[in-house]
Amino acid sequence: MSGKFMTIKEAAEMLGVTPLTLRNWDKSGKLPTTRHPMSNYRIYKTEDLEKLMKDIEAGTVPTKAKPRSAPKRKLTARKLIVRSIREE
């Protein structure tokens, strides 16, 4: 790999996130990844990681996050009937 690529563990440590976060970023397209030709593991280009770090620091990371909406279901009041059972 000659220093141009990092494993998912190395990339996660560099960015201060978990490997699962990197996998999610890969799936969402936020961070491009390459697969190792022998093991098929994810590997990351150091230049992509450095660019992402600069974007994060500058606050220019594009996001695909959608604002959460309020629940659409109606909340209804329910009565709770409590009965006592006498043991005889």
PDB file of N, CA and C in Angstrom:
ATOM      1  N   MET A   1       0.816  -1.199   0.000  1.00  0.00           N
ATOM      2  CA  MET A   1       0.000   0.000   0.000  1.00  0.00           C
ATOM      3  C   MET A   1       0.853   1.254   0.000  1.00  0.00           C
ATOM      4  N   SER A   2       2.076   1.178   0.319  1.00  0.00           N
ATOM      5  CA  SER A   2       3.095   2.218   0.157  1.00  0.00           C
ATOM      6  C   SER A   2       2.722   3.601   0.700  1.00  0.00           C
ATOM      7  N   GLY A   3       1.910   3.676   1.739  1.00  0.00           N
ATOM      8  CA  GLY A   3       1.623   4.965   2.358  1.00  0.00           C
ATOM      9  C   GLY A   3       0.562   5.796   1.673  1.00  0.00           C
ATOM     10  N   LYS A   4       0.083   5.400   0.519  1.00  0.00           N
ATOM     11  CA  LYS A   4      -0.954   6.165  -0.167  1.00  0.00           C
ATOM     12  C   LYS A   4      -2.347   5.792   0.324  1.00  0.00           C
ATOM     13  N   PHE A   5      -2.457   4.648   0.965  1.00  0.00           N
ATOM     14  CA  PHE A   5      -3.745   4.157   1.432  1.00  0.00           C
ATOM     15  C   PHE A   5      -3.682   3.848   2.921  1.00  0.00           C
ATOM     16  N   MET A   6      -4.851   3.872   3.569  1.00  0.00           N
ATOM     17  CA  MET A   6      -4.958   3.526   4.984  1.00  0.00           C
ATOM     18  C   MET A   6      -6.044   2.484   5.158  1.00  0.00           C
ATOM     19  N   THR A   7      -5.857   1.643   6.167  1.00  0.00           N
ATOM     20  CA  THR A   7      -6.897   0.683   6.514  1.00  0.00           C
ATOM     21  C   THR A   7      -8.035   1.434   7.195  1.00  0.00           C
ATOM     22  N   ILE A   8      -9.143   0.751   7.387  1.00  0.00           N
ATOM     23  CA  ILE A   8     -10.284   1.397   8.033  1.00  0.00           C
ATOM     24  C   ILE A   8      -9.941   1.782   9.468  1.00  0.00           C
ATOM     25  N   LYS A   9      -9.146   0.952  10.139  1.00  0.00           N
ATOM     26  CA  LYS A   9      -8.751   1.255  11.517  1.00  0.00           C
ATOM     27  C   LYS A   9      -7.868   2.503  11.570  1.00  0.00           C
ATOM     28  N   GLU A  10      -6.901   2.583  10.683  1.00  0.00           N
ATOM     29  CA  GLU A  10      -6.010   3.750  10.642  1.00  0.00           C
ATOM     30  C   GLU A  10      -6.783   5.019  10.293  1.00  0.00           C
ATOM     31  N   ALA A  11      -7.689   4.906   9.330  1.00  0.00           N
ATOM     32  CA  ALA A  11      -8.484   6.068   8.918  1.00  0.00           C
ATOM     33  C   ALA A  11      -9.398   6.531  10.051  1.00  0.00           C
ATOM     34  N   ALA A  12      -9.999   5.579  10.767  1.00  0.00           N
ATOM     35  CA  ALA A  12     -10.878   5.925  11.884  1.00  0.00           C
ATOM     36  C   ALA A  12     -10.103   6.655  12.976  1.00  0.00           C
ATOM     37  N   GLU A  13      -8.898   6.176  13.277  1.00  0.00           N
ATOM     38  CA  GLU A  13      -8.072   6.837  14.291  1.00  0.00           C
ATOM     39  C   GLU A  13      -7.673   8.242  13.838  1.00  0.00           C
ATOM     40  N   MET A  14      -7.353   8.387  12.568  1.00  0.00           N
ATOM     41  CA  MET A  14      -6.951   9.688  12.032  1.00  0.00           C
ATOM     42  C   MET A  14      -8.084  10.710  12.138  1.00  0.00           C
ATOM     43  N   LEU A  15      -9.313  10.270  11.841  1.00  0.00           N
ATOM     44  CA  LEU A  15     -10.463  11.171  11.843  1.00  0.00           C
ATOM     45  C   LEU A  15     -11.132  11.285  13.210  1.00  0.00           C
ATOM     46  N   GLY A  16     -10.791  10.371  14.130  1.00  0.00           N
ATOM     47  CA  GLY A  16     -11.408  10.404  15.452  1.00  0.00           C
ATOM     48  C   GLY A  16     -12.830   9.890  15.465  1.00  0.00           C
ATOM     49  N   VAL A  17     -13.118   8.922  14.590  1.00  0.00           N
ATOM     50  CA  VAL A  17     -14.443   8.303  14.534  1.00  0.00           C
ATOM     51  C   VAL A  17     -14.268   6.789  14.621  1.00  0.00           C
ATOM     52  N   THR A  18     -15.367   6.074  14.661  1.00  0.00           N
ATOM     53  CA  THR A  18     -15.293   4.617  14.715  1.00  0.00           C
ATOM     54  C   THR A  18     -15.254   4.043  13.299  1.00  0.00           C
ATOM     55  N   PRO A  19     -14.771   2.814  13.159  1.00  0.00           N
ATOM     56  CA  PRO A  19     -14.825   2.167  11.848  1.00  0.00           C
ATOM     57  C   PRO A  19     -16.254   2.047  11.307  1.00  0.00           C
ATOM     58  N   LEU A  20     -17.224   1.869  12.198  1.00  0.00           N
ATOM     59  CA  LEU A  20     -18.617   1.789  11.753  1.00  0.00           C
ATOM     60  C   LEU A  20     -19.060   3.099  11.104  1.00  0.00           C
ATOM     61  N   THR A  21     -18.616   4.215  11.653  1.00  0.00           N
ATOM     62  CA  THR A  21     -18.935   5.518  11.054  1.00  0.00           C
ATOM     63  C   THR A  21     -18.375   5.601   9.643  1.00  0.00           C
ATOM     64  N   LEU A  22     -17.144   5.132   9.456  1.00  0.00           N
ATOM     65  CA  LEU A  22     -16.551   5.147   8.114  1.00  0.00           C
ATOM     66  C   LEU A  22     -17.332   4.252   7.161  1.00  0.00           C
ATOM     67  N   ARG A  23     -17.784   3.111   7.642  1.00  0.00           N
ATOM     68  CA  ARG A  23     -18.592   2.225   6.782  1.00  0.00           C
ATOM     69  C   ARG A  23     -19.886   2.924   6.369  1.00  0.00           C
ATOM     70  N   ASN A  24     -20.506   3.619   7.320  1.00  0.00           N
ATOM     71  CA  ASN A  24     -21.740   4.351   7.009  1.00  0.00           C
ATOM     72  C   ASN A  24     -21.482   5.479   6.019  1.00  0.00           C
ATOM     73  N   TRP A  25     -20.361   6.187   6.178  1.00  0.00           N
ATOM     74  CA  TRP A  25     -20.009   7.250   5.234  1.00  0.00           C
ATOM     75  C   TRP A  25     -19.757   6.671   3.851  1.00  0.00           C
ATOM     76  N   ASP A  26     -19.198   5.479   3.802  1.00  0.00           N
ATOM     77  CA  ASP A  26     -18.972   4.805   2.520  1.00  0.00           C
ATOM     78  C   ASP A  26     -20.311   4.500   1.854  1.00  0.00           C
ATOM     79  N   LYS A  27     -21.238   3.939   2.621  1.00  0.00           N
ATOM     80  CA  LYS A  27     -22.552   3.584   2.069  1.00  0.00           C
ATOM     81  C   LYS A  27     -23.330   4.807   1.597  1.00  0.00           C
ATOM     82  N   SER A  28     -23.178   5.931   2.318  1.00  0.00           N
ATOM     83  CA  SER A  28     -23.933   7.137   1.952  1.00  0.00           C
ATOM     84  C   SER A  28     -23.229   7.974   0.889  1.00  0.00           C
ATOM     85  N   GLY A  29     -21.989   7.612   0.557  1.00  0.00           N
ATOM     86  CA  GLY A  29     -21.267   8.347  -0.474  1.00  0.00           C
ATOM     87  C   GLY A  29     -20.501   9.555   0.037  1.00  0.00           C
ATOM     88  N   LYS A  30     -20.453   9.731   1.345  1.00  0.00           N
ATOM     89  CA  LYS A  30     -19.760  10.885   1.922  1.00  0.00           C
ATOM     90  C   LYS A  30     -18.243  10.767   1.794  1.00  0.00           C
ATOM     91  N   LEU A  31     -17.735   9.545   1.855  1.00  0.00           N
ATOM     92  CA  LEU A  31     -16.295   9.316   1.779  1.00  0.00           C
ATOM     93  C   LEU A  31     -16.034   8.156   0.824  1.00  0.00           C
ATOM     94  N   PRO A  32     -15.361   8.416  -0.290  1.00  0.00           N
ATOM     95  CA  PRO A  32     -15.095   7.335  -1.242  1.00  0.00           C
ATOM     96  C   PRO A  32     -14.103   6.323  -0.670  1.00  0.00           C
ATOM     97  N   THR A  33     -14.284   5.091  -1.045  1.00  0.00           N
ATOM     98  CA  THR A  33     -13.403   4.024  -0.586  1.00  0.00           C
ATOM     99  C   THR A  33     -12.993   3.153  -1.759  1.00  0.00           C
ATOM    100  N   THR A  34     -11.930   2.438  -1.569  1.00  0.00           N
ATOM    101  CA  THR A  34     -11.437   1.484  -2.557  1.00  0.00           C
ATOM    102  C   THR A  34     -11.350   0.141  -1.861  1.00  0.00           C
ATOM    103  N   ARG A  35     -11.434  -0.920  -2.606  1.00  0.00           N
ATOM    104  CA  ARG A  35     -11.298  -2.256  -2.023  1.00  0.00           C
ATOM    105  C   ARG A  35      -9.910  -2.799  -2.323  1.00  0.00           C
ATOM    106  N   HIS A  36      -9.312  -3.414  -1.316  1.00  0.00           N
ATOM    107  CA  HIS A  36      -8.002  -4.037  -1.490  1.00  0.00           C
ATOM    108  C   HIS A  36      -8.167  -5.202  -2.463  1.00  0.00           C
ATOM    109  N   PRO A  37      -7.296  -5.319  -3.471  1.00  0.00           N
ATOM    110  CA  PRO A  37      -7.474  -6.353  -4.495  1.00  0.00           C
ATOM    111  C   PRO A  37      -7.344  -7.790  -3.975  1.00  0.00           C
ATOM    112  N   MET A  38      -6.609  -8.000  -2.906  1.00  0.00           N
ATOM    113  CA  MET A  38      -6.427  -9.362  -2.399  1.00  0.00           C
ATOM    114  C   MET A  38      -7.465  -9.744  -1.339  1.00  0.00           C
ATOM    115  N   SER A  39      -7.737  -8.839  -0.421  1.00  0.00           N
ATOM    116  CA  SER A  39      -8.607  -9.177   0.711  1.00  0.00           C
ATOM    117  C   SER A  39     -10.018  -8.606   0.588  1.00  0.00           C
ATOM    118  N   ASN A  40     -10.223  -7.675  -0.324  1.00  0.00           N
ATOM    119  CA  ASN A  40     -11.495  -6.982  -0.519  1.00  0.00           C
ATOM    120  C   ASN A  40     -11.875  -6.095   0.681  1.00  0.00           C
ATOM    121  N   TYR A  41     -10.924  -5.819   1.572  1.00  0.00           N
ATOM    122  CA  TYR A  41     -11.167  -4.898   2.679  1.00  0.00           C
ATOM    123  C   TYR A  41     -11.229  -3.473   2.144  1.00  0.00           C
ATOM    124  N   ARG A  42     -11.933  -2.613   2.892  1.00  0.00           N
ATOM    125  CA  ARG A  42     -11.969  -1.200   2.525  1.00  0.00           C
ATOM    126  C   ARG A  42     -10.607  -0.570   2.815  1.00  0.00           C
ATOM    127  N   ILE A  43     -10.143   0.241   1.886  1.00  0.00           N
ATOM    128  CA  ILE A  43      -8.956   1.060   2.108  1.00  0.00           C
ATOM    129  C   ILE A  43      -9.283   2.471   1.644  1.00  0.00           C
ATOM    130  N   TYR A  44      -8.635   3.430   2.264  1.00  0.00           N
ATOM    131  CA  TYR A  44      -8.949   4.831   2.020  1.00  0.00           C
ATOM    132  C   TYR A  44      -7.715   5.560   1.526  1.00  0.00           C
ATOM    133  N   LYS A  45      -7.891   6.401   0.525  1.00  0.00           N
ATOM    134  CA  LYS A  45      -6.786   7.222   0.033  1.00  0.00           C
ATOM    135  C   LYS A  45      -6.495   8.302   1.066  1.00  0.00           C
ATOM    136  N   THR A  46      -5.217   8.485   1.370  1.00  0.00           N
ATOM    137  CA  THR A  46      -4.853   9.504   2.361  1.00  0.00           C
ATOM    138  C   THR A  46      -5.265  10.894   1.895  1.00  0.00           C
ATOM    139  N   GLU A  47      -5.205  11.147   0.602  1.00  0.00           N
ATOM    140  CA  GLU A  47      -5.601  12.477   0.105  1.00  0.00           C
ATOM    141  C   GLU A  47      -7.095  12.722   0.311  1.00  0.00           C
ATOM    142  N   ASP A  48      -7.937  11.672   0.184  1.00  0.00           N
ATOM    143  CA  ASP A  48      -9.371  11.824   0.446  1.00  0.00           C
ATOM    144  C   ASP A  48      -9.623  12.115   1.924  1.00  0.00           C
ATOM    145  N   LEU A  49      -8.875  11.428   2.797  1.00  0.00           N
ATOM    146  CA  LEU A  49      -9.033  11.642   4.233  1.00  0.00           C
ATOM    147  C   LEU A  49      -8.581  13.045   4.636  1.00  0.00           C
ATOM    148  N   GLU A  50      -7.466  13.487   4.072  1.00  0.00           N
ATOM    149  CA  GLU A  50      -6.978  14.830   4.379  1.00  0.00           C
ATOM    150  C   GLU A  50      -7.949  15.900   3.883  1.00  0.00           C
ATOM    151  N   LYS A  51      -8.535  15.685   2.713  1.00  0.00           N
ATOM    152  CA  LYS A  51      -9.520  16.632   2.178  1.00  0.00           C
ATOM    153  C   LYS A  51     -10.749  16.685   3.083  1.00  0.00           C
ATOM    154  N   LEU A  52     -11.206  15.512   3.528  1.00  0.00           N
ATOM    155  CA  LEU A  52     -12.361  15.468   4.418  1.00  0.00           C
ATOM    156  C   LEU A  52     -12.063  16.193   5.727  1.00  0.00           C
ATOM    157  N   MET A  53     -10.871  15.987   6.276  1.00  0.00           N
ATOM    158  CA  MET A  53     -10.497  16.680   7.517  1.00  0.00           C
ATOM    159  C   MET A  53     -10.507  18.194   7.327  1.00  0.00           C
ATOM    160  N   LYS A  54      -9.982  18.661   6.206  1.00  0.00           N
ATOM    161  CA  LYS A  54      -9.978  20.107   5.934  1.00  0.00           C
ATOM    162  C   LYS A  54     -11.401  20.638   5.794  1.00  0.00           C
ATOM    163  N   ASP A  55     -12.258  19.868   5.116  1.00  0.00           N
ATOM    164  CA  ASP A  55     -13.654  20.280   4.953  1.00  0.00           C
ATOM    165  C   ASP A  55     -14.377  20.332   6.299  1.00  0.00           C
ATOM    166  N   ILE A  56     -14.102  19.345   7.154  1.00  0.00           N
ATOM    167  CA  ILE A  56     -14.733  19.328   8.476  1.00  0.00           C
ATOM    168  C   ILE A  56     -14.284  20.541   9.281  1.00  0.00           C
ATOM    169  N   GLU A  57     -12.989  20.808   9.263  1.00  0.00           N
ATOM    170  CA  GLU A  57     -12.461  21.952  10.011  1.00  0.00           C
ATOM    171  C   GLU A  57     -13.001  23.275   9.480  1.00  0.00           C
ATOM    172  N   ALA A  58     -13.211  23.360   8.172  1.00  0.00           N
ATOM    173  CA  ALA A  58     -13.727  24.593   7.570  1.00  0.00           C
ATOM    174  C   ALA A  58     -15.249  24.693   7.670  1.00  0.00           C
ATOM    175  N   GLY A  59     -15.904  23.593   8.041  1.00  0.00           N
ATOM    176  CA  GLY A  59     -17.361  23.590   8.141  1.00  0.00           C
ATOM    177  C   GLY A  59     -18.053  23.533   6.800  1.00  0.00           C
ATOM    178  N   THR A  60     -17.387  22.960   5.801  1.00  0.00           N
ATOM    179  CA  THR A  60     -17.965  22.914   4.459  1.00  0.00           C
ATOM    180  C   THR A  60     -18.316  21.503   4.010  1.00  0.00           C
ATOM    181  N   VAL A  61     -18.517  20.595   4.952  1.00  0.00           N
ATOM    182  CA  VAL A  61     -18.848  19.221   4.587  1.00  0.00           C
ATOM    183  C   VAL A  61     -20.294  19.178   4.117  1.00  0.00           C
ATOM    184  N   PRO A  62     -20.538  18.730   2.891  1.00  0.00           N
ATOM    185  CA  PRO A  62     -21.925  18.615   2.432  1.00  0.00           C
ATOM    186  C   PRO A  62     -22.627  17.494   3.181  1.00  0.00           C
ATOM    187  N   THR A  63     -23.867  17.705   3.493  1.00  0.00           N
ATOM    188  CA  THR A  63     -24.617  16.688   4.217  1.00  0.00           C
ATOM    189  C   THR A  63     -25.866  16.312   3.442  1.00  0.00           C
ATOM    190  N   LYS A  64     -26.241  15.068   3.560  1.00  0.00           N
ATOM    191  CA  LYS A  64     -27.468  14.590   2.934  1.00  0.00           C
ATOM    192  C   LYS A  64     -28.542  14.364   3.986  1.00  0.00           C
ATOM    193  N   ALA A  65     -28.261  14.812   5.196  1.00  0.00           N
ATOM    194  CA  ALA A  65     -29.195  14.595   6.292  1.00  0.00           C
ATOM    195  C   ALA A  65     -30.467  15.398   6.064  1.00  0.00           C
ATOM    196  N   LYS A  66     -31.583  14.773   6.380  1.00  0.00           N
ATOM    197  CA  LYS A  66     -32.875  15.436   6.259  1.00  0.00           C
ATOM    198  C   LYS A  66     -33.363  15.784   7.661  1.00  0.00           C
ATOM    199  N   PRO A  67     -33.985  16.939   7.822  1.00  0.00           N
ATOM    200  CA  PRO A  67     -34.508  17.270   9.146  1.00  0.00           C
ATOM    201  C   PRO A  67     -35.618  16.301   9.532  1.00  0.00           C
ATOM    202  N   ARG A  68     -35.639  15.954  10.778  1.00  0.00           N
ATOM    203  CA  ARG A  68     -36.667  15.025  11.256  1.00  0.00           C
ATOM    204  C   ARG A  68     -37.995  15.752  11.373  1.00  0.00           C
ATOM    205  N   SER A  69     -39.045  15.071  10.975  1.00  0.00           N
ATOM    206  CA  SER A  69     -40.376  15.666  11.077  1.00  0.00           C
ATOM    207  C   SER A  69     -41.070  15.132  12.324  1.00  0.00           C
ATOM    208  N   ALA A  70     -42.096  15.844  12.729  1.00  0.00           N
ATOM    209  CA  ALA A  70     -42.864  15.428  13.895  1.00  0.00           C
ATOM    210  C   ALA A  70     -43.627  14.151  13.560  1.00  0.00           C
ATOM    211  N   PRO A  71     -43.897  13.336  14.553  1.00  0.00           N
ATOM    212  CA  PRO A  71     -44.655  12.114  14.286  1.00  0.00           C
ATOM    213  C   PRO A  71     -46.035  12.441  13.737  1.00  0.00           C
ATOM    214  N   LYS A  72     -46.502  11.645  12.796  1.00  0.00           N
ATOM    215  CA  LYS A  72     -47.778  11.909  12.135  1.00  0.00           C
ATOM    216  C   LYS A  72     -48.950  11.210  12.821  1.00  0.00           C
ATOM    217  N   ARG A  73     -48.641  10.346  13.758  1.00  0.00           N
ATOM    218  CA  ARG A  73     -49.732   9.628  14.417  1.00  0.00           C
ATOM    219  C   ARG A  73     -50.376  10.510  15.487  1.00  0.00           C
ATOM    220  N   LYS A  74     -51.639  10.278  15.706  1.00  0.00           N
ATOM    221  CA  LYS A  74     -52.349  11.030  16.727  1.00  0.00           C
ATOM    222  C   LYS A  74     -52.137  10.351  18.076  1.00  0.00           C
ATOM    223  N   LEU A  75     -51.930  11.157  19.054  1.00  0.00           N
ATOM    224  CA  LEU A  75     -51.811  10.632  20.404  1.00  0.00           C
ATOM    225  C   LEU A  75     -53.181  10.713  21.052  1.00  0.00           C
ATOM    226  N   THR A  76     -53.646   9.617  21.576  1.00  0.00           N
ATOM    227  CA  THR A  76     -54.956   9.590  22.206  1.00  0.00           C
ATOM    228  C   THR A  76     -54.798   9.229  23.675  1.00  0.00           C
ATOM    229  N   ALA A  77     -55.681   9.774  24.456  1.00  0.00           N
ATOM    230  CA  ALA A  77     -55.671   9.463  25.884  1.00  0.00           C
ATOM    231  C   ALA A  77     -56.330   8.107  26.087  1.00  0.00           C
ATOM    232  N   ARG A  78     -55.746   7.325  26.931  1.00  0.00           N
ATOM    233  CA  ARG A  78     -56.315   6.016  27.242  1.00  0.00           C
ATOM    234  C   ARG A  78     -56.536   5.925  28.739  1.00  0.00           C
ATOM    235  N   LYS A  79     -57.598   5.259  29.085  1.00  0.00           N
ATOM    236  CA  LYS A  79     -57.897   5.075  30.499  1.00  0.00           C
ATOM    237  C   LYS A  79     -57.363   3.722  30.937  1.00  0.00           C
ATOM    238  N   LEU A  80     -56.841   3.712  32.109  1.00  0.00           N
ATOM    239  CA  LEU A  80     -56.338   2.480  32.682  1.00  0.00           C
ATOM    240  C   LEU A  80     -57.276   2.084  33.801  1.00  0.00           C
ATOM    241  N   ILE A  81     -57.838   0.917  33.676  1.00  0.00           N
ATOM    242  CA  ILE A  81     -58.751   0.424  34.695  1.00  0.00           C
ATOM    243  C   ILE A  81     -57.978  -0.564  35.557  1.00  0.00           C
ATOM    244  N   VAL A  82     -57.959  -0.281  36.829  1.00  0.00           N
ATOM    245  CA  VAL A  82     -57.242  -1.140  37.765  1.00  0.00           C
ATOM    246  C   VAL A  82     -58.262  -1.795  38.675  1.00  0.00           C
ATOM    247  N   ARG A  83     -58.189  -3.077  38.740  1.00  0.00           N
ATOM    248  CA  ARG A  83     -59.083  -3.822  39.619  1.00  0.00           C
ATOM    249  C   ARG A  83     -58.232  -4.533  40.663  1.00  0.00           C
ATOM    250  N   SER A  84     -58.729  -4.571  41.825  1.00  0.00           N
ATOM    251  CA  SER A  84     -58.014  -5.313  42.859  1.00  0.00           C
ATOM    252  C   SER A  84     -58.664  -6.677  43.007  1.00  0.00           C
ATOM    253  N   ILE A  85     -57.845  -7.643  43.190  1.00  0.00           N
ATOM    254  CA  ILE A  85     -58.331  -9.009  43.345  1.00  0.00           C
ATOM    255  C   ILE A  85     -58.076  -9.418  44.787  1.00  0.00           C
ATOM    256  N   ARG A  86     -59.112  -9.823  45.410  1.00  0.00           N
ATOM    257  CA  ARG A  86     -58.975 -10.253  46.796  1.00  0.00           C
ATOM    258  C   ARG A  86     -58.646 -11.731  46.819  1.00  0.00           C
ATOM    259  N   GLU A  87     -57.690 -12.032  47.639  1.00  0.00           N
ATOM    260  CA  GLU A  87     -57.369 -13.446  47.826  1.00  0.00           C
ATOM    261  C   GLU A  87     -58.158 -13.939  49.022  1.00  0.00           C
ATOM    262  N   GLU A  88     -58.910 -14.950  48.809  1.00  0.00           N
ATOM    263  CA  GLU A  88     -59.739 -15.464  49.898  1.00  0.00           C
ATOM    264  C   GLU A  88     -59.242 -16.784  50.377  1.00  0.00           C
TER     265      GLU A  88
END
